[in-house]
mmCIF file of all heavy atoms, coordinates in Angstrom:
data_MODEL
# 
_entry.id   MODEL 
# 
loop_
_atom_site.group_PDB 
_atom_site.id 
_atom_site.type_symbol 
_atom_site.label_atom_id 
_atom_site.label_alt_id 
_atom_site.label_comp_id 
_atom_site.label_asym_id 
_atom_site.label_entity_id 
_atom_site.label_seq_id 
_atom_site.pdbx_PDB_ins_code 
_atom_site.Cartn_x 
_atom_site.Cartn_y 
_atom_site.Cartn_z 
_atom_site.occupancy 
_atom_site.B_iso_or_equiv 
_atom_site.pdbx_formal_charge 
_atom_site.auth_seq_id 
_atom_site.auth_comp_id 
_atom_site.auth_asym_id 
_atom_site.auth_atom_id 
_atom_site.pdbx_PDB_model_num 
ATOM 1   N N   . PRO A 1 1  ? 0.818   -1.165 -0.017 1.00 0.00 ? 1  PRO A N   1 
ATOM 2   C CA  . PRO A 1 1  ? -0.032  0.005  -0.030 1.00 0.00 ? 1  PRO A CA  1 
ATOM 3   C C   . PRO A 1 1  ? 0.881   1.257  0.009  1.00 0.00 ? 1  PRO A C   1 
ATOM 4   O O   . PRO A 1 1  ? 1.986   1.295  0.586  1.00 0.00 ? 1  PRO A O   1 
ATOM 5   C CB  . PRO A 1 1  ? -0.766  -0.109 1.283  1.00 0.00 ? 1  PRO A CB  1 
ATOM 6   C CG  . PRO A 1 1  ? -0.775  -1.561 1.647  1.00 0.00 ? 1  PRO A CG  1 
ATOM 7   C CD  . PRO A 1 1  ? 0.533   -2.060 1.090  1.00 0.00 ? 1  PRO A CD  1 
ATOM 8   N N   . VAL A 1 2  ? 0.414   2.329  -0.685 1.00 0.00 ? 2  VAL A N   1 
ATOM 9   C CA  . VAL A 1 2  ? 1.231   3.530  -0.791 1.00 0.00 ? 2  VAL A CA  1 
ATOM 10  C C   . VAL A 1 2  ? 1.580   4.110  0.590  1.00 0.00 ? 2  VAL A C   1 
ATOM 11  O O   . VAL A 1 2  ? 2.602   4.605  0.875  1.00 0.00 ? 2  VAL A O   1 
ATOM 12  C CB  . VAL A 1 2  ? 0.457   4.593  -1.664 1.00 0.00 ? 2  VAL A CB  1 
ATOM 13  C CG1 . VAL A 1 2  ? 1.301   5.885  -1.619 1.00 0.00 ? 2  VAL A CG1 1 
ATOM 14  C CG2 . VAL A 1 2  ? 0.317   4.056  -3.095 1.00 0.00 ? 2  VAL A CG2 1 
ATOM 15  N N   . THR A 1 3  ? 0.622   4.031  1.460  1.00 0.00 ? 3  THR A N   1 
ATOM 16  C CA  . THR A 1 3  ? 0.732   4.638  2.798  1.00 0.00 ? 3  THR A CA  1 
ATOM 17  C C   . THR A 1 3  ? 1.546   3.650  3.792  1.00 0.00 ? 3  THR A C   1 
ATOM 18  O O   . THR A 1 3  ? 1.883   4.071  4.844  1.00 0.00 ? 3  THR A O   1 
ATOM 19  C CB  . THR A 1 3  ? -0.593  4.949  3.467  1.00 0.00 ? 3  THR A CB  1 
ATOM 20  O OG1 . THR A 1 3  ? -1.422  3.740  3.498  1.00 0.00 ? 3  THR A OG1 1 
ATOM 21  C CG2 . THR A 1 3  ? -1.276  6.083  2.771  1.00 0.00 ? 3  THR A CG2 1 
ATOM 22  N N   . GLY A 1 4  ? 1.777   2.427  3.315  1.00 0.00 ? 4  GLY A N   1 
ATOM 23  C CA  . GLY A 1 4  ? 2.447   1.456  4.202  1.00 0.00 ? 4  GLY A CA  1 
ATOM 24  C C   . GLY A 1 4  ? 1.430   0.534  4.759  1.00 0.00 ? 4  GLY A C   1 
ATOM 25  O O   . GLY A 1 4  ? 0.221   0.717  4.788  1.00 0.00 ? 4  GLY A O   1 
ATOM 26  N N   . TYR A 1 5  ? 1.896   -0.678 5.150  1.00 0.00 ? 5  TYR A N   1 
ATOM 27  C CA  . TYR A 1 5  ? 1.066   -1.642 5.701  1.00 0.00 ? 5  TYR A CA  1 
ATOM 28  C C   . TYR A 1 5  ? 0.369   -1.230 7.023  1.00 0.00 ? 5  TYR A C   1 
ATOM 29  O O   . TYR A 1 5  ? 0.971   -0.511 7.835  1.00 0.00 ? 5  TYR A O   1 
ATOM 30  C CB  . TYR A 1 5  ? 1.833   -2.985 5.989  1.00 0.00 ? 5  TYR A CB  1 
ATOM 31  C CG  . TYR A 1 5  ? 2.133   -3.845 4.801  1.00 0.00 ? 5  TYR A CG  1 
ATOM 32  C CD1 . TYR A 1 5  ? 3.386   -3.950 4.343  1.00 0.00 ? 5  TYR A CD1 1 
ATOM 33  C CD2 . TYR A 1 5  ? 1.117   -4.474 4.061  1.00 0.00 ? 5  TYR A CD2 1 
ATOM 34  C CE1 . TYR A 1 5  ? 3.725   -4.724 3.237  1.00 0.00 ? 5  TYR A CE1 1 
ATOM 35  C CE2 . TYR A 1 5  ? 1.325   -5.198 2.998  1.00 0.00 ? 5  TYR A CE2 1 
ATOM 36  C CZ  . TYR A 1 5  ? 2.650   -5.381 2.490  1.00 0.00 ? 5  TYR A CZ  1 
ATOM 37  O OH  . TYR A 1 5  ? 2.910   -6.092 1.393  1.00 0.00 ? 5  TYR A OH  1 
ATOM 38  N N   . LEU A 1 6  ? -0.869  -1.556 7.135  1.00 0.00 ? 6  LEU A N   1 
ATOM 39  C CA  . LEU A 1 6  ? -1.662  -1.150 8.345  1.00 0.00 ? 6  LEU A CA  1 
ATOM 40  C C   . LEU A 1 6  ? -0.973  -1.594 9.599  1.00 0.00 ? 6  LEU A C   1 
ATOM 41  O O   . LEU A 1 6  ? -0.912  -0.836 10.548 1.00 0.00 ? 6  LEU A O   1 
ATOM 42  C CB  . LEU A 1 6  ? -3.021  -1.780 8.270  1.00 0.00 ? 6  LEU A CB  1 
ATOM 43  C CG  . LEU A 1 6  ? -3.987  -1.381 9.456  1.00 0.00 ? 6  LEU A CG  1 
ATOM 44  C CD1 . LEU A 1 6  ? -4.152  0.110  9.643  1.00 0.00 ? 6  LEU A CD1 1 
ATOM 45  C CD2 . LEU A 1 6  ? -5.334  -2.067 9.222  1.00 0.00 ? 6  LEU A CD2 1 
ATOM 46  N N   . SER A 1 7  ? -0.419  -2.831 9.602  1.00 0.00 ? 7  SER A N   1 
ATOM 47  C CA  . SER A 1 7  ? 0.244   -3.319 10.802 1.00 0.00 ? 7  SER A CA  1 
ATOM 48  C C   . SER A 1 7  ? 1.414   -2.412 11.268 1.00 0.00 ? 7  SER A C   1 
ATOM 49  O O   . SER A 1 7  ? 1.601   -2.238 12.443 1.00 0.00 ? 7  SER A O   1 
ATOM 50  C CB  . SER A 1 7  ? 0.773   -4.789 10.560 1.00 0.00 ? 7  SER A CB  1 
ATOM 51  O OG  . SER A 1 7  ? 1.649   -4.827 9.484  1.00 0.00 ? 7  SER A OG  1 
ATOM 52  N N   . LEU A 1 8  ? 2.222   -1.941 10.298 1.00 0.00 ? 8  LEU A N   1 
ATOM 53  C CA  . LEU A 1 8  ? 3.350   -1.108 10.630 1.00 0.00 ? 8  LEU A CA  1 
ATOM 54  C C   . LEU A 1 8  ? 2.825   0.272  11.056 1.00 0.00 ? 8  LEU A C   1 
ATOM 55  O O   . LEU A 1 8  ? 3.367   0.828  12.085 1.00 0.00 ? 8  LEU A O   1 
ATOM 56  C CB  . LEU A 1 8  ? 4.213   -0.917 9.397  1.00 0.00 ? 8  LEU A CB  1 
ATOM 57  C CG  . LEU A 1 8  ? 5.465   -0.012 9.630  1.00 0.00 ? 8  LEU A CG  1 
ATOM 58  C CD1 . LEU A 1 8  ? 6.283   -0.366 10.830 1.00 0.00 ? 8  LEU A CD1 1 
ATOM 59  C CD2 . LEU A 1 8  ? 6.264   0.121  8.355  1.00 0.00 ? 8  LEU A CD2 1 
ATOM 60  N N   . ARG A 1 9  ? 1.782   0.814  10.406 1.00 0.00 ? 9  ARG A N   1 
ATOM 61  C CA  . ARG A 1 9  ? 1.276   2.091  10.825 1.00 0.00 ? 9  ARG A CA  1 
ATOM 62  C C   . ARG A 1 9  ? 0.696   2.023  12.146 1.00 0.00 ? 9  ARG A C   1 
ATOM 63  O O   . ARG A 1 9  ? 0.777   2.968  13.043 1.00 0.00 ? 9  ARG A O   1 
ATOM 64  C CB  . ARG A 1 9  ? 0.227   2.635  9.791  1.00 0.00 ? 9  ARG A CB  1 
ATOM 65  C CG  . ARG A 1 9  ? 0.908   3.094  8.517  1.00 0.00 ? 9  ARG A CG  1 
ATOM 66  C CD  . ARG A 1 9  ? -0.045  3.643  7.490  1.00 0.00 ? 9  ARG A CD  1 
ATOM 67  N NE  . ARG A 1 9  ? -0.901  2.686  6.862  1.00 0.00 ? 9  ARG A NE  1 
ATOM 68  C CZ  . ARG A 1 9  ? -2.233  2.627  6.817  1.00 0.00 ? 9  ARG A CZ  1 
ATOM 69  N NH1 . ARG A 1 9  ? -2.867  3.533  7.495  1.00 0.00 ? 9  ARG A NH1 1 
ATOM 70  N NH2 . ARG A 1 9  ? -2.824  1.635  6.150  1.00 0.00 ? 9  ARG A NH2 1 
ATOM 71  N N   . GLN A 1 10 ? 0.034   0.901  12.526 1.00 0.00 ? 10 GLN A N   1 
ATOM 72  C CA  . GLN A 1 10 ? -0.447  0.731  13.900 1.00 0.00 ? 10 GLN A CA  1 
ATOM 73  C C   . GLN A 1 10 ? 0.704   0.640  14.906 1.00 0.00 ? 10 GLN A C   1 
ATOM 74  O O   . GLN A 1 10 ? 0.570   1.204  16.023 1.00 0.00 ? 10 GLN A O   1 
ATOM 75  C CB  . GLN A 1 10 ? -1.370  -0.568 13.962 1.00 0.00 ? 10 GLN A CB  1 
ATOM 76  C CG  . GLN A 1 10 ? -1.944  -0.776 15.311 1.00 0.00 ? 10 GLN A CG  1 
ATOM 77  C CD  . GLN A 1 10 ? -2.939  0.318  15.738 1.00 0.00 ? 10 GLN A CD  1 
ATOM 78  O OE1 . GLN A 1 10 ? -3.853  0.602  14.990 1.00 0.00 ? 10 GLN A OE1 1 
ATOM 79  N NE2 . GLN A 1 10 ? -2.623  1.002  16.824 1.00 0.00 ? 10 GLN A NE2 1 
ATOM 80  N N   . ALA A 1 11 ? 1.761   -0.038 14.520 1.00 0.00 ? 11 ALA A N   1 
ATOM 81  C CA  . ALA A 1 11 ? 2.914   -0.072 15.441 1.00 0.00 ? 11 ALA A CA  1 
ATOM 82  C C   . ALA A 1 11 ? 3.540   1.317  15.691 1.00 0.00 ? 11 ALA A C   1 
ATOM 83  O O   . ALA A 1 11 ? 4.000   1.630  16.784 1.00 0.00 ? 11 ALA A O   1 
ATOM 84  C CB  . ALA A 1 11 ? 3.945   -1.017 14.861 1.00 0.00 ? 11 ALA A CB  1 
ATOM 85  N N   . ILE A 1 12 ? 3.503   2.085  14.633 1.00 0.00 ? 12 ILE A N   1 
ATOM 86  C CA  . ILE A 1 12 ? 4.062   3.498  14.794 1.00 0.00 ? 12 ILE A CA  1 
ATOM 87  C C   . ILE A 1 12 ? 3.069   4.285  15.690 1.00 0.00 ? 12 ILE A C   1 
ATOM 88  O O   . ILE A 1 12 ? 3.555   5.099  16.520 1.00 0.00 ? 12 ILE A O   1 
ATOM 89  C CB  . ILE A 1 12 ? 4.202   4.114  13.344 1.00 0.00 ? 12 ILE A CB  1 
ATOM 90  C CG1 . ILE A 1 12 ? 5.336   3.426  12.592 1.00 0.00 ? 12 ILE A CG1 1 
ATOM 91  C CG2 . ILE A 1 12 ? 4.502   5.575  13.514 1.00 0.00 ? 12 ILE A CG2 1 
ATOM 92  C CD1 . ILE A 1 12 ? 5.380   3.734  11.113 1.00 0.00 ? 12 ILE A CD1 1 
ATOM 93  N N   . SER A 1 13 ? 1.786   4.134  15.435 1.00 0.00 ? 13 SER A N   1 
ATOM 94  C CA  . SER A 1 13 ? 0.863   4.816  16.305 1.00 0.00 ? 13 SER A CA  1 
ATOM 95  C C   . SER A 1 13 ? 1.049   4.418  17.772 1.00 0.00 ? 13 SER A C   1 
ATOM 96  O O   . SER A 1 13 ? 1.013   5.296  18.655 1.00 0.00 ? 13 SER A O   1 
ATOM 97  C CB  . SER A 1 13 ? -0.598  4.401  15.849 1.00 0.00 ? 13 SER A CB  1 
ATOM 98  O OG  . SER A 1 13 ? -1.546  4.876  16.732 1.00 0.00 ? 13 SER A OG  1 
ATOM 99  N N   . ASP A 1 14 ? 1.263   3.098  17.988 1.00 0.00 ? 14 ASP A N   1 
ATOM 100 C CA  . ASP A 1 14 ? 1.446   2.675  19.365 1.00 0.00 ? 14 ASP A CA  1 
ATOM 101 C C   . ASP A 1 14 ? 2.747   3.246  19.973 1.00 0.00 ? 14 ASP A C   1 
ATOM 102 O O   . ASP A 1 14 ? 2.836   3.596  21.140 1.00 0.00 ? 14 ASP A O   1 
ATOM 103 C CB  . ASP A 1 14 ? 1.555   1.123  19.375 1.00 0.00 ? 14 ASP A CB  1 
ATOM 104 C CG  . ASP A 1 14 ? 0.273   0.438  19.045 1.00 0.00 ? 14 ASP A CG  1 
ATOM 105 O OD1 . ASP A 1 14 ? -0.802  1.096  19.044 1.00 0.00 ? 14 ASP A OD1 1 
ATOM 106 O OD2 . ASP A 1 14 ? 0.307   -0.774 18.678 1.00 0.00 ? 14 ASP A OD2 1 
ATOM 107 N N   . LYS A 1 15 ? 3.799   3.328  19.148 1.00 0.00 ? 15 LYS A N   1 
ATOM 108 C CA  . LYS A 1 15 ? 5.053   3.888  19.607 1.00 0.00 ? 15 LYS A CA  1 
ATOM 109 C C   . LYS A 1 15 ? 4.904   5.340  19.984 1.00 0.00 ? 15 LYS A C   1 
ATOM 110 O O   . LYS A 1 15 ? 5.393   5.832  21.014 1.00 0.00 ? 15 LYS A O   1 
ATOM 111 C CB  . LYS A 1 15 ? 6.094   3.756  18.502 1.00 0.00 ? 15 LYS A CB  1 
ATOM 112 C CG  . LYS A 1 15 ? 7.366   4.604  18.666 1.00 0.00 ? 15 LYS A CG  1 
ATOM 113 C CD  . LYS A 1 15 ? 7.320   5.840  17.855 1.00 0.00 ? 15 LYS A CD  1 
ATOM 114 C CE  . LYS A 1 15 ? 8.556   6.668  17.910 1.00 0.00 ? 15 LYS A CE  1 
ATOM 115 N NZ  . LYS A 1 15 ? 8.809   7.366  19.208 1.00 0.00 ? 15 LYS A NZ  1 
ATOM 116 N N   . LEU A 1 16 ? 4.097   6.139  19.145 1.00 0.00 ? 16 LEU A N   1 
ATOM 117 C CA  . LEU A 1 16 ? 3.856   7.503  19.428 1.00 0.00 ? 16 LEU A CA  1 
ATOM 118 C C   . LEU A 1 16 ? 3.130   7.670  20.776 1.00 0.00 ? 16 LEU A C   1 
ATOM 119 O O   . LEU A 1 16 ? 3.424   8.624  21.535 1.00 0.00 ? 16 LEU A O   1 
ATOM 120 C CB  . LEU A 1 16 ? 3.098   8.144  18.327 1.00 0.00 ? 16 LEU A CB  1 
ATOM 121 C CG  . LEU A 1 16 ? 3.985   8.378  17.043 1.00 0.00 ? 16 LEU A CG  1 
ATOM 122 C CD1 . LEU A 1 16 ? 3.067   8.707  15.835 1.00 0.00 ? 16 LEU A CD1 1 
ATOM 123 C CD2 . LEU A 1 16 ? 4.925   9.646  17.252 1.00 0.00 ? 16 LEU A CD2 1 
ATOM 124 N N   . ALA A 1 17 ? 2.196   6.807  20.948 1.00 0.00 ? 17 ALA A N   1 
ATOM 125 C CA  . ALA A 1 17 ? 1.402   6.916  22.242 1.00 0.00 ? 17 ALA A CA  1 
ATOM 126 C C   . ALA A 1 17 ? 2.294   6.467  23.436 1.00 0.00 ? 17 ALA A C   1 
ATOM 127 O O   . ALA A 1 17 ? 2.250   7.187  24.538 1.00 0.00 ? 17 ALA A O   1 
ATOM 128 C CB  . ALA A 1 17 ? 0.191   5.923  22.170 1.00 0.00 ? 17 ALA A CB  1 
ATOM 129 N N   . ARG A 1 18 ? 3.072   5.419  23.293 1.00 0.00 ? 18 ARG A N   1 
ATOM 130 C CA  . ARG A 1 18 ? 3.856   4.862  24.385 1.00 0.00 ? 18 ARG A CA  1 
ATOM 131 C C   . ARG A 1 18 ? 5.020   5.809  24.711 1.00 0.00 ? 18 ARG A C   1 
ATOM 132 O O   . ARG A 1 18 ? 5.340   6.099  25.923 1.00 0.00 ? 18 ARG A O   1 
ATOM 133 C CB  . ARG A 1 18 ? 4.350   3.529  23.965 1.00 0.00 ? 18 ARG A CB  1 
ATOM 134 C CG  . ARG A 1 18 ? 5.222   2.786  24.973 1.00 0.00 ? 18 ARG A CG  1 
ATOM 135 C CD  . ARG A 1 18 ? 5.519   1.389  24.515 1.00 0.00 ? 18 ARG A CD  1 
ATOM 136 N NE  . ARG A 1 18 ? 6.516   1.446  23.342 1.00 0.00 ? 18 ARG A NE  1 
ATOM 137 C CZ  . ARG A 1 18 ? 6.106   1.074  22.105 1.00 0.00 ? 18 ARG A CZ  1 
ATOM 138 N NH1 . ARG A 1 18 ? 4.888   0.603  21.910 1.00 0.00 ? 18 ARG A NH1 1 
ATOM 139 N NH2 . ARG A 1 18 ? 6.985   1.121  21.074 1.00 0.00 ? 18 ARG A NH2 1 
ATOM 140 N N   . GLU A 1 19 ? 5.773   6.222  23.755 1.00 0.00 ? 19 GLU A N   1 
ATOM 141 C CA  . GLU A 1 19 ? 7.017   6.964  23.984 1.00 0.00 ? 19 GLU A CA  1 
ATOM 142 C C   . GLU A 1 19 ? 6.808   8.510  23.961 1.00 0.00 ? 19 GLU A C   1 
ATOM 143 O O   . GLU A 1 19 ? 7.545   9.248  24.630 1.00 0.00 ? 19 GLU A O   1 
ATOM 144 C CB  . GLU A 1 19 ? 8.051   6.641  22.953 1.00 0.00 ? 19 GLU A CB  1 
ATOM 145 C CG  . GLU A 1 19 ? 8.404   5.103  22.968 1.00 0.00 ? 19 GLU A CG  1 
ATOM 146 C CD  . GLU A 1 19 ? 9.506   4.738  21.994 1.00 0.00 ? 19 GLU A CD  1 
ATOM 147 O OE1 . GLU A 1 19 ? 9.875   5.609  21.191 1.00 0.00 ? 19 GLU A OE1 1 
ATOM 148 O OE2 . GLU A 1 19 ? 10.007  3.573  22.011 1.00 0.00 ? 19 GLU A OE2 1 
ATOM 149 N N   . ASN A 1 20 ? 5.911   9.006  23.178 1.00 0.00 ? 20 ASN A N   1 
ATOM 150 C CA  . ASN A 1 20 ? 5.758   10.430 23.036 1.00 0.00 ? 20 ASN A CA  1 
ATOM 151 C C   . ASN A 1 20 ? 4.468   11.043 23.597 1.00 0.00 ? 20 ASN A C   1 
ATOM 152 O O   . ASN A 1 20 ? 4.305   12.274 23.608 1.00 0.00 ? 20 ASN A O   1 
ATOM 153 C CB  . ASN A 1 20 ? 5.822   10.795 21.500 1.00 0.00 ? 20 ASN A CB  1 
ATOM 154 C CG  . ASN A 1 20 ? 7.096   10.219 20.878 1.00 0.00 ? 20 ASN A CG  1 
ATOM 155 O OD1 . ASN A 1 20 ? 7.039   9.200  20.232 1.00 0.00 ? 20 ASN A OD1 1 
ATOM 156 N ND2 . ASN A 1 20 ? 8.217   10.903 20.983 1.00 0.00 ? 20 ASN A ND2 1 
ATOM 157 N N   . HIS A 1 21 ? 3.571   10.126 24.113 1.00 0.00 ? 21 HIS A N   1 
ATOM 158 C CA  . HIS A 1 21 ? 2.312   10.553 24.720 1.00 0.00 ? 21 HIS A CA  1 
ATOM 159 C C   . HIS A 1 21 ? 1.525   11.367 23.694 1.00 0.00 ? 21 HIS A C   1 
ATOM 160 O O   . HIS A 1 21 ? 0.895   12.405 24.042 1.00 0.00 ? 21 HIS A O   1 
ATOM 161 C CB  . HIS A 1 21 ? 2.604   11.375 25.981 1.00 0.00 ? 21 HIS A CB  1 
ATOM 162 C CG  . HIS A 1 21 ? 3.531   10.694 26.954 1.00 0.00 ? 21 HIS A CG  1 
ATOM 163 N ND1 . HIS A 1 21 ? 3.330   9.396  27.410 1.00 0.00 ? 21 HIS A ND1 1 
ATOM 164 C CD2 . HIS A 1 21 ? 4.628   11.073 27.518 1.00 0.00 ? 21 HIS A CD2 1 
ATOM 165 C CE1 . HIS A 1 21 ? 4.308   8.986  28.190 1.00 0.00 ? 21 HIS A CE1 1 
ATOM 166 N NE2 . HIS A 1 21 ? 5.174   10.093 28.315 1.00 0.00 ? 21 HIS A NE2 1 
ATOM 167 N N   . LEU A 1 22 ? 1.581   10.949 22.446 1.00 0.00 ? 22 LEU A N   1 
ATOM 168 C CA  . LEU A 1 22 ? 0.842   11.639 21.351 1.00 0.00 ? 22 LEU A CA  1 
ATOM 169 C C   . LEU A 1 22 ? -0.077  10.600 20.691 1.00 0.00 ? 22 LEU A C   1 
ATOM 170 O O   . LEU A 1 22 ? 0.283   9.487  20.436 1.00 0.00 ? 22 LEU A O   1 
ATOM 171 C CB  . LEU A 1 22 ? 1.814   12.182 20.291 1.00 0.00 ? 22 LEU A CB  1 
ATOM 172 C CG  . LEU A 1 22 ? 2.695   13.363 20.735 1.00 0.00 ? 22 LEU A CG  1 
ATOM 173 C CD1 . LEU A 1 22 ? 3.725   13.630 19.700 1.00 0.00 ? 22 LEU A CD1 1 
ATOM 174 C CD2 . LEU A 1 22 ? 1.822   14.612 20.959 1.00 0.00 ? 22 LEU A CD2 1 
ATOM 175 N N   . THR A 1 23 ? -1.313  11.056 20.412 1.00 0.00 ? 23 THR A N   1 
ATOM 176 C CA  . THR A 1 23 ? -2.297  10.103 19.849 1.00 0.00 ? 23 THR A CA  1 
ATOM 177 C C   . THR A 1 23 ? -2.460  10.412 18.350 1.00 0.00 ? 23 THR A C   1 
ATOM 178 O O   . THR A 1 23 ? -2.887  11.493 17.973 1.00 0.00 ? 23 THR A O   1 
ATOM 179 C CB  . THR A 1 23 ? -3.641  10.289 20.568 1.00 0.00 ? 23 THR A CB  1 
ATOM 180 O OG1 . THR A 1 23 ? -3.549  9.995  21.950 1.00 0.00 ? 23 THR A OG1 1 
ATOM 181 C CG2 . THR A 1 23 ? -4.742  9.413  19.963 1.00 0.00 ? 23 THR A CG2 1 
ATOM 182 N N   . TYR A 1 24 ? -2.198  9.398  17.523 1.00 0.00 ? 24 TYR A N   1 
ATOM 183 C CA  . TYR A 1 24 ? -2.305  9.437  16.121 1.00 0.00 ? 24 TYR A CA  1 
ATOM 184 C C   . TYR A 1 24 ? -3.031  8.256  15.609 1.00 0.00 ? 24 TYR A C   1 
ATOM 185 O O   . TYR A 1 24 ? -2.614  7.107  15.978 1.00 0.00 ? 24 TYR A O   1 
ATOM 186 C CB  . TYR A 1 24 ? -0.946  9.617  15.311 1.00 0.00 ? 24 TYR A CB  1 
ATOM 187 C CG  . TYR A 1 24 ? -0.313  10.971 15.457 1.00 0.00 ? 24 TYR A CG  1 
ATOM 188 C CD1 . TYR A 1 24 ? 0.515   11.329 16.469 1.00 0.00 ? 24 TYR A CD1 1 
ATOM 189 C CD2 . TYR A 1 24 ? -0.526  11.947 14.514 1.00 0.00 ? 24 TYR A CD2 1 
ATOM 190 C CE1 . TYR A 1 24 ? 1.139   12.512 16.570 1.00 0.00 ? 24 TYR A CE1 1 
ATOM 191 C CE2 . TYR A 1 24 ? 0.067   13.165 14.539 1.00 0.00 ? 24 TYR A CE2 1 
ATOM 192 C CZ  . TYR A 1 24 ? 0.913   13.439 15.642 1.00 0.00 ? 24 TYR A CZ  1 
ATOM 193 O OH  . TYR A 1 24 ? 1.503   14.703 15.718 1.00 0.00 ? 24 TYR A OH  1 
ATOM 194 N N   . SER A 1 25 ? -4.012  8.359  14.774 1.00 0.00 ? 25 SER A N   1 
ATOM 195 C CA  . SER A 1 25 ? -4.677  7.226  14.159 1.00 0.00 ? 25 SER A CA  1 
ATOM 196 C C   . SER A 1 25 ? -3.778  6.763  12.986 1.00 0.00 ? 25 SER A C   1 
ATOM 197 O O   . SER A 1 25 ? -2.892  7.415  12.532 1.00 0.00 ? 25 SER A O   1 
ATOM 198 C CB  . SER A 1 25 ? -6.053  7.605  13.625 1.00 0.00 ? 25 SER A CB  1 
ATOM 199 O OG  . SER A 1 25 ? -6.009  8.376  12.516 1.00 0.00 ? 25 SER A OG  1 
ATOM 200 N N   . THR A 1 26 ? -4.059  5.512  12.551 1.00 0.00 ? 26 THR A N   1 
ATOM 201 C CA  . THR A 1 26 ? -3.274  5.018  11.364 1.00 0.00 ? 26 THR A CA  1 
ATOM 202 C C   . THR A 1 26 ? -3.544  5.815  10.159 1.00 0.00 ? 26 THR A C   1 
ATOM 203 O O   . THR A 1 26 ? -2.652  5.808  9.281  1.00 0.00 ? 26 THR A O   1 
ATOM 204 C CB  . THR A 1 26 ? -3.648  3.535  11.109 1.00 0.00 ? 26 THR A CB  1 
ATOM 205 O OG1 . THR A 1 26 ? -5.081  3.433  10.967 1.00 0.00 ? 26 THR A OG1 1 
ATOM 206 C CG2 . THR A 1 26 ? -3.214  2.670  12.225 1.00 0.00 ? 26 THR A CG2 1 
ATOM 207 N N   . LYS A 1 27 ? -4.630  6.529  10.038 1.00 0.00 ? 27 LYS A N   1 
ATOM 208 C CA  . LYS A 1 27 ? -4.942  7.400  8.891  1.00 0.00 ? 27 LYS A CA  1 
ATOM 209 C C   . LYS A 1 27 ? -4.050  8.667  8.930  1.00 0.00 ? 27 LYS A C   1 
ATOM 210 O O   . LYS A 1 27 ? -3.960  9.405  7.954  1.00 0.00 ? 27 LYS A O   1 
ATOM 211 C CB  . LYS A 1 27 ? -6.431  7.799  8.818  1.00 0.00 ? 27 LYS A CB  1 
ATOM 212 C CG  . LYS A 1 27 ? -7.318  6.606  8.531  1.00 0.00 ? 27 LYS A CG  1 
ATOM 213 C CD  . LYS A 1 27 ? -8.796  7.047  8.515  1.00 0.00 ? 27 LYS A CD  1 
ATOM 214 C CE  . LYS A 1 27 ? -9.683  5.905  8.189  1.00 0.00 ? 27 LYS A CE  1 
ATOM 215 N NZ  . LYS A 1 27 ? -11.160 6.328  8.181  1.00 0.00 ? 27 LYS A NZ  1 
# 
């Protein structure tokens, strides 16, 4: 997918929440 696999985008979203205390959806 052009935006990247959903599983990776979810992992990045989780990382942002866990490490940076920032909430981003996969979109």
